[in-house]
C-alpha atoms as a PDB file:
ATOM      1  CA  MET A   1       0.307  -1.229 -16.900  1.00  0.00           C
ATOM      2  CA  PRO A   2       1.343  -4.834 -16.440  1.00  0.00           C
ATOM      3  CA  THR A   3      -0.340  -7.349 -18.727  1.00  0.00           C
ATOM      4  CA  GLY A   4      -2.407 -10.353 -17.683  1.00  0.00           C
ATOM      5  CA  LEU A   5      -3.947  -8.617 -14.686  1.00  0.00           C
ATOM      6  CA  THR A   6      -7.573  -9.220 -15.556  1.00  0.00           C
ATOM      7  CA  LYS A   7     -10.354  -8.357 -13.154  1.00  0.00           C
ATOM      8  CA  GLU A   8     -10.911 -12.042 -12.490  1.00  0.00           C
ATOM      9  CA  TYR A   9      -7.231 -12.663 -11.817  1.00  0.00           C
ATOM     10  CA  LEU A  10      -6.989  -9.735  -9.405  1.00  0.00           C
ATOM     11  CA  GLN A  11     -10.203 -10.719  -7.661  1.00  0.00           C
ATOM     12  CA  LYS A  12      -8.756 -14.203  -7.089  1.00  0.00           C
ATOM     13  CA  TRP A  13      -5.636 -12.746  -5.445  1.00  0.00           C
ATOM     14  CA  PHE A  14      -7.670 -10.254  -3.431  1.00  0.00           C
ATOM     15  CA  ALA A  15      -9.729 -13.140  -2.049  1.00  0.00           C
ATOM     16  CA  LYS A  16      -6.506 -14.899  -0.987  1.00  0.00           C
ATOM     17  CA  GLY A  17      -5.332 -11.810   0.855  1.00  0.00           C
ATOM     18  CA  LEU A  18      -5.458 -11.400   4.603  1.00  0.00           C
ATOM     19  CA  SER A  19      -6.535  -8.570   6.822  1.00  0.00           C
ATOM     20  CA  TYR A  20      -3.679  -6.584   8.339  1.00  0.00           C
ATOM     21  CA  GLU A  21      -4.283  -8.110  11.767  1.00  0.00           C
ATOM     22  CA  VAL A  22      -4.313 -11.702  10.508  1.00  0.00           C
ATOM     23  CA  TYR A  23      -1.230 -11.025   8.381  1.00  0.00           C
ATOM     24  CA  LEU A  24       0.689  -9.772  11.423  1.00  0.00           C
ATOM     25  CA  ASP A  25      -0.716 -12.478  13.710  1.00  0.00           C
ATOM     26  CA  ASN A  26       0.698 -15.064  11.310  1.00  0.00           C
ATOM     27  CA  ALA A  27       4.075 -13.323  11.525  1.00  0.00           C
ATOM     28  CA  ARG A  28       4.334 -13.825  15.295  1.00  0.00           C
ATOM     29  CA  ASP A  29       7.618 -12.401  16.607  1.00  0.00           C
ATOM     30  CA  MET A  30       8.496 -10.686  13.346  1.00  0.00           C
ATOM     31  CA  ALA A  31       5.491  -8.368  13.747  1.00  0.00           C
ATOM     32  CA  ALA A  32       7.033  -6.462  16.670  1.00  0.00           C
ATOM     33  CA  PRO A  33       8.680  -3.745  14.497  1.00  0.00           C
ATOM     34  CA  TRP A  34       5.378  -3.218  12.690  1.00  0.00           C
ATOM     35  CA  ARG A  35       3.536  -2.829  15.988  1.00  0.00           C
ATOM     36  CA  GLU A  36       6.056  -0.226  17.140  1.00  0.00           C
ATOM     37  CA  VAL A  37       5.615   1.816  13.969  1.00  0.00           C
ATOM     38  CA  GLU A  38       1.818   1.664  14.335  1.00  0.00           C
ATOM     39  CA  LYS A  39       2.181   4.011  17.306  1.00  0.00           C
ATOM     40  CA  GLN A  40       3.785   6.567  14.994  1.00  0.00           C
ATOM     41  CA  ALA A  41       1.365   6.090  12.062  1.00  0.00           C
ATOM     42  CA  LYS A  42      -1.274   8.603  13.091  1.00  0.00           C
ATOM     43  CA  LEU A  43      -3.189  10.612  10.531  1.00  0.00           C
ATOM     44  CA  THR A  44      -3.503  14.381  10.855  1.00  0.00           C
ATOM     45  CA  HIS A  45      -6.924  16.025  10.880  1.00  0.00           C
ATOM     46  CA  THR A  46      -6.384  17.147   7.270  1.00  0.00           C
ATOM     47  CA  GLN A  47      -5.443  13.623   6.208  1.00  0.00           C
ATOM     48  CA  GLN A  48      -8.497  12.202   7.985  1.00  0.00           C
ATOM     49  CA  THR A  49     -10.696  14.784   6.250  1.00  0.00           C
ATOM     50  CA  THR A  50      -9.253  13.835   2.857  1.00  0.00           C
ATOM     51  CA  LEU A  51      -9.908  10.142   3.459  1.00  0.00           C
ATOM     52  CA  GLY A  52     -13.375  10.909   4.807  1.00  0.00           C
ATOM     53  CA  SER A  53     -14.248  12.590   1.514  1.00  0.00           C
ATOM     54  CA  PHE A  54     -13.686   9.417  -0.517  1.00  0.00           C
ATOM     55  CA  VAL A  55     -16.876   8.109  -2.120  1.00  0.00           C
ATOM     56  CA  ARG A  56     -15.654   5.483  -4.572  1.00  0.00           C
ATOM     57  CA  GLU A  57     -14.871   2.034  -3.267  1.00  0.00           C
ATOM     58  CA  MET A  58     -11.344   0.881  -3.989  1.00  0.00           C
ATOM     59  CA  LYS A  59      -9.870  -2.561  -3.584  1.00  0.00           C
ATOM     60  CA  VAL A  60      -6.209  -2.623  -2.596  1.00  0.00           C
ATOM     61  CA  ILE A  61      -3.717  -5.482  -2.525  1.00  0.00           C
ATOM     62  CA  VAL A  62      -0.456  -4.982  -0.646  1.00  0.00           C
ATOM     63  CA  ILE A  63       2.300  -7.421  -1.606  1.00  0.00           C
ATOM     64  CA  THR A  64       4.704  -7.317   1.296  1.00  0.00           C
ATOM     65  CA  GLY A  65       7.168  -9.134   3.497  1.00  0.00           C
ATOM     66  CA  VAL A  66       7.014  -9.025   7.267  1.00  0.00           C
ATOM     67  CA  TRP A  67      10.812  -9.360   7.286  1.00  0.00           C
ATOM     68  CA  CYS A  68      11.310  -6.220   5.171  1.00  0.00           C
ATOM     69  CA  GLY A  69      12.440  -2.994   6.849  1.00  0.00           C
ATOM     70  CA  ASP A  70      10.652  -0.788   4.313  1.00  0.00           C
ATOM     71  CA  CYS A  71       7.478  -2.802   4.809  1.00  0.00           C
ATOM     72  CA  SER A  72       7.700  -2.542   8.595  1.00  0.00           C
ATOM     73  CA  VAL A  73       7.686   1.255   8.220  1.00  0.00           C
ATOM     74  CA  GLN A  74       5.277   1.682   5.311  1.00  0.00           C
ATOM     75  CA  GLY A  75       2.885  -1.182   6.119  1.00  0.00           C
ATOM     76  CA  PRO A  76       1.508   0.510   9.253  1.00  0.00           C
ATOM     77  CA  MET A  77       1.140   3.713   7.223  1.00  0.00           C
ATOM     78  CA  LEU A  78      -0.929   1.895   4.603  1.00  0.00           C
ATOM     79  CA  HIS A  79      -3.008   0.299   7.353  1.00  0.00           C
ATOM     80  CA  ALA A  80      -3.666   3.714   8.923  1.00  0.00           C
ATOM     81  CA  ILE A  81      -4.719   5.129   5.553  1.00  0.00           C
ATOM     82  CA  ALA A  82      -7.090   2.219   4.898  1.00  0.00           C
ATOM     83  CA  GLY A  83      -8.534   2.622   8.375  1.00  0.00           C
ATOM     84  CA  GLY A  84      -9.324   6.251   7.595  1.00  0.00           C
ATOM     85  CA  SER A  85     -11.885   5.460   4.905  1.00  0.00           C
ATOM     86  CA  PRO A  86     -14.671   2.895   4.758  1.00  0.00           C
ATOM     87  CA  THR A  87     -14.300   2.944   0.957  1.00  0.00           C
ATOM     88  CA  ILE A  88     -10.862   1.264   1.071  1.00  0.00           C
ATOM     89  CA  ALA A  89     -10.810  -2.534   1.270  1.00  0.00           C
ATOM     90  CA  MET A  90      -7.173  -3.585   1.766  1.00  0.00           C
ATOM     91  CA  HIS A  91      -5.845  -7.146   1.713  1.00  0.00           C
ATOM     92  CA  TRP A  92      -2.283  -8.252   2.448  1.00  0.00           C
ATOM     93  CA  LEU A  93      -0.263 -10.911   0.639  1.00  0.00           C
ATOM     94  CA  ASP A  94       3.171 -12.181   1.538  1.00  0.00           C
ATOM     95  CA  ARG A  95       5.400 -11.811  -1.504  1.00  0.00           C
ATOM     96  CA  ASP A  96       6.719 -15.359  -1.271  1.00  0.00           C
ATOM     97  CA  ASP A  97       3.183 -16.784  -1.070  1.00  0.00           C
ATOM     98  CA  ALA A  98       2.052 -14.596  -3.968  1.00  0.00           C
ATOM     99  CA  ILE A  99       5.146 -14.852  -6.157  1.00  0.00           C
ATOM    100  CA  GLU A 100       3.012 -15.448  -9.261  1.00  0.00           C
ATOM    101  CA  LEU A 101       1.310 -12.084  -8.778  1.00  0.00           C
ATOM    102  CA  SER A 102       4.547 -10.411  -7.675  1.00  0.00           C
ATOM    103  CA  ASN A 103       6.203 -11.591 -10.889  1.00  0.00           C
ATOM    104  CA  LYS A 104       3.540  -9.725 -12.881  1.00  0.00           C
ATOM    105  CA  VAL A 105       4.184  -6.419 -11.093  1.00  0.00           C
ATOM    106  CA  LYS A 106       7.958  -6.385 -10.837  1.00  0.00           C
ATOM    107  CA  ILE A 107       9.573  -3.017 -10.287  1.00  0.00           C
ATOM    108  CA  ASN A 108      12.889  -2.505 -12.065  1.00  0.00           C
ATOM    109  CA  ALA A 109      12.916  -6.258 -12.806  1.00  0.00           C
ATOM    110  CA  GLY A 110      12.634  -7.149  -9.119  1.00  0.00           C
ATOM    111  CA  ASN A 111       9.998  -8.538  -6.777  1.00  0.00           C
ATOM    112  CA  ARG A 112       9.972  -5.387  -4.639  1.00  0.00           C
ATOM    113  CA  VAL A 113       7.990  -4.902  -1.479  1.00  0.00           C
ATOM    114  CA  PRO A 114       5.773  -3.266  -0.619  1.00  0.00           C
ATOM    115  CA  THR A 115       4.008  -3.185  -3.955  1.00  0.00           C
ATOM    116  CA  VAL A 116       0.458  -1.867  -3.861  1.00  0.00           C
ATOM    117  CA  LEU A 117      -2.185  -2.649  -6.470  1.00  0.00           C
ATOM    118  CA  PHE A 118      -5.115  -0.239  -6.583  1.00  0.00           C
ATOM    119  CA  MET A 119      -8.344  -1.462  -8.166  1.00  0.00           C
ATOM    120  CA  ALA A 120     -11.822  -0.109  -8.737  1.00  0.00           C
ATOM    121  CA  GLU A 121     -14.829  -1.628  -6.993  1.00  0.00           C
ATOM    122  CA  ASP A 122     -15.095  -4.207  -9.795  1.00  0.00           C
ATOM    123  CA  PHE A 123     -11.370  -5.148  -9.599  1.00  0.00           C
ATOM    124  CA  GLU A 124     -10.422  -3.184 -12.706  1.00  0.00           C
ATOM    125  CA  LEU A 125      -6.731  -2.279 -12.238  1.00  0.00           C
ATOM    126  CA  VAL A 126      -6.163   1.434 -11.688  1.00  0.00           C
ATOM    127  CA  SER A 127      -2.577   1.783 -10.460  1.00  0.00           C
ATOM    128  CA  VAL A 128       0.471  -0.106  -9.215  1.00  0.00           C
ATOM    129  CA  PHE A 129       2.717   1.758  -6.784  1.00  0.00           C
ATOM    130  CA  GLY A 130       5.723   0.769  -4.716  1.00  0.00           C
ATOM    131  CA  ASP A 131       8.241   0.026  -3.260  1.00  0.00           C
ATOM    132  CA  ARG A 132       9.216   3.334  -1.738  1.00  0.00           C
ATOM    133  CA  THR A 133       7.905   6.854  -2.076  1.00  0.00           C
ATOM    134  CA  LEU A 134      10.106   9.670  -3.363  1.00  0.00           C
ATOM    135  CA  SER A 135      10.710  11.013   0.162  1.00  0.00           C
ATOM    136  CA  ARG A 136      11.777   7.589   1.337  1.00  0.00           C
ATOM    137  CA  TYR A 137      14.142   7.172  -1.626  1.00  0.00           C
ATOM    138  CA  ARG A 138      15.657  10.615  -1.030  1.00  0.00           C
ATOM    139  CA  ALA A 139      16.254   9.887   2.659  1.00  0.00           C
ATOM    140  CA  ILE A 140      17.745   6.444   2.018  1.00  0.00           C
ATOM    141  CA  ALA A 141      19.959   7.791  -0.775  1.00  0.00           C
ATOM    142  CA  ALA A 142      21.192  10.529   1.531  1.00  0.00           C
ATOM    143  CA  ARG A 143      22.063   7.924   4.168  1.00  0.00           C
ATOM    144  CA  GLN A 144      23.663   5.253   2.059  1.00  0.00           C
ATOM    145  CA  LEU A 145      23.320   5.620  -1.716  1.00  0.00           C
ATOM    146  CA  GLY A 146      23.131   1.852  -1.989  1.00  0.00           C
ATOM    147  CA  SER A 147      20.694  -0.929  -2.756  1.00  0.00           C
ATOM    148  CA  GLY A 148      20.187  -2.270   0.783  1.00  0.00           C
ATOM    149  CA  CYS A 149      17.018  -1.644   2.675  1.00  0.00           C
ATOM    150  CA  ASP A 150      16.530  -0.651   6.275  1.00  0.00           C
ATOM    151  CA  ILE A 151      16.355  -3.348   8.904  1.00  0.00           C
ATOM    152  CA  PRO A 152      13.029  -3.750  10.721  1.00  0.00           C
ATOM    153  CA  GLY A 153      13.040  -1.852  13.974  1.00  0.00           C
ATOM    154  CA  ILE A 154      15.376   0.945  12.896  1.00  0.00           C
ATOM    155  CA  THR A 155      13.864   4.291  13.821  1.00  0.00           C
ATOM    156  CA  THR A 156      12.752   6.424  10.908  1.00  0.00           C
ATOM    157  CA  PRO A 157      13.250  10.180  11.424  1.00  0.00           C
ATOM    158  CA  GLN A 158       9.885  11.883  11.996  1.00  0.00           C
ATOM    159  CA  ASP A 159      10.143  14.242   9.011  1.00  0.00           C
ATOM    160  CA  GLU A 160      10.890  11.327   6.684  1.00  0.00           C
ATOM    161  CA  PHE A 161       8.074   9.312   8.237  1.00  0.00           C
ATOM    162  CA  ASP A 162       5.562  12.167   7.844  1.00  0.00           C
ATOM    163  CA  ALA A 163       6.577  12.836   4.227  1.00  0.00           C
ATOM    164  CA  THR A 164       6.351   9.131   3.341  1.00  0.00           C
ATOM    165  CA  LEU A 165       2.906   8.820   4.933  1.00  0.00           C
ATOM    166  CA  GLN A 166       1.720  11.902   3.037  1.00  0.00           C
ATOM    167  CA  GLU A 167       3.031  10.561  -0.273  1.00  0.00           C
ATOM    168  CA  TRP A 168       1.202   7.271   0.223  1.00  0.00           C
ATOM    169  CA  LEU A 169      -1.955   9.217   1.061  1.00  0.00           C
ATOM    170  CA  ASN A 170      -1.425  11.300  -2.083  1.00  0.00           C
ATOM    171  CA  GLU A 171      -1.422   8.112  -4.163  1.00  0.00           C
ATOM    172  CA  PHE A 172      -4.651   6.936  -2.518  1.00  0.00           C
ATOM    173  CA  GLU A 173      -6.191  10.349  -3.220  1.00  0.00           C
ATOM    174  CA  ARG A 174      -4.948  10.272  -6.829  1.00  0.00           C
ATOM    175  CA  VAL A 175      -6.576   6.873  -7.322  1.00  0.00           C
ATOM    176  CA  GLN A 176      -9.782   8.050  -5.635  1.00  0.00           C
ATOM    177  CA  LEU A 177      -9.978  11.058  -7.945  1.00  0.00           C
ATOM    178  CA  LEU A 178      -9.267   8.869 -10.960  1.00  0.00           C
ATOM    179  CA  LEU A 179     -12.151   6.615  -9.865  1.00  0.00           C
ATOM    180  CA  ARG A 180     -14.396   9.582  -9.085  1.00  0.00           C
ATOM    181  CA  LEU A 181     -13.792  11.160 -12.504  1.00  0.00           C
ATOM    182  CA  SER A 182     -13.959   7.895 -14.456  1.00  0.00           C
ATOM    183  CA  THR A 183     -16.599   8.163 -17.173  1.00  0.00           C
ATOM    184  CA  ARG A 184     -17.327   4.450 -16.792  1.00  0.00           C
ATOM    185  CA  LEU A 185     -17.971   4.736 -13.042  1.00  0.00           C
ATOM    186  CA  ARG A 186     -19.795   8.062 -13.272  1.00  0.00           C
ATOM    187  CA  GLN A 187     -22.226   6.482 -15.721  1.00  0.00           C
ATOM    188  CA  LYS A 188     -22.643   3.459 -13.474  1.00  0.00           C
ATOM    189  CA  HIS A 189     -23.282   5.556 -10.354  1.00  0.00           C
ATOM    190  CA  ARG A 190     -25.108   8.331 -12.238  1.00  0.00           C
ATOM    191  CA  ASP A 191     -23.000  11.080 -10.742  1.00  0.00           C
END
C-alpha cells in the first residue's frame, strides 16, 4: 500500500471530490462520450443482486480525467456500480486538480487514470485499483500492443465492455468482503 495515506488525508481528499453529475457538468462538451457510454453501462440482475447484498459502507475516490478514453468507458461503469448500492459513497477528482494525491498512488511510476481508492467507512485505506482491468488490457494489447489509450468516443466492443464492467464489480465485491470479514469492523458492528 502507498505510504502517507492516513485516514485524515484521505478524508480531506474525499471531501474535495465531486459527485459524478457535478464532475461531468463541469466538463461541459467533453462529457459527451461519457454520456454515450452511460447508455451501455447497465447492470445485470445478478450484478444488481450482488451490489444489493453489500452491508458495509465504503468510501471511494475516483481519480480521473474527462479527456481520457479509458475513463470515458470505465467512469460510467464505476458510476453504475456505485448507483447499485446505497453502501457505496463515490467521489470524483480530476487528476490534474488532485495531483498531490495522484502522486501518492502512481501506477508503474505514472499518474494513471482512472485510479480508484477504496476505503472503509472511517476512511481507512483498503485497496487501490486502476487504471485498466485485465480484460481491458488484453483487448487493448490485442488491438495495438502499445502505450496509447483509446480516444473518447471510440466504441468499445460489447464483450470487452461487459468483461471490464464485471471485473470492476469484482473489485468492489472483493473490497466489500474484506470489509465484511474485517475483525476490526466486525467488532465495531458486533456481527
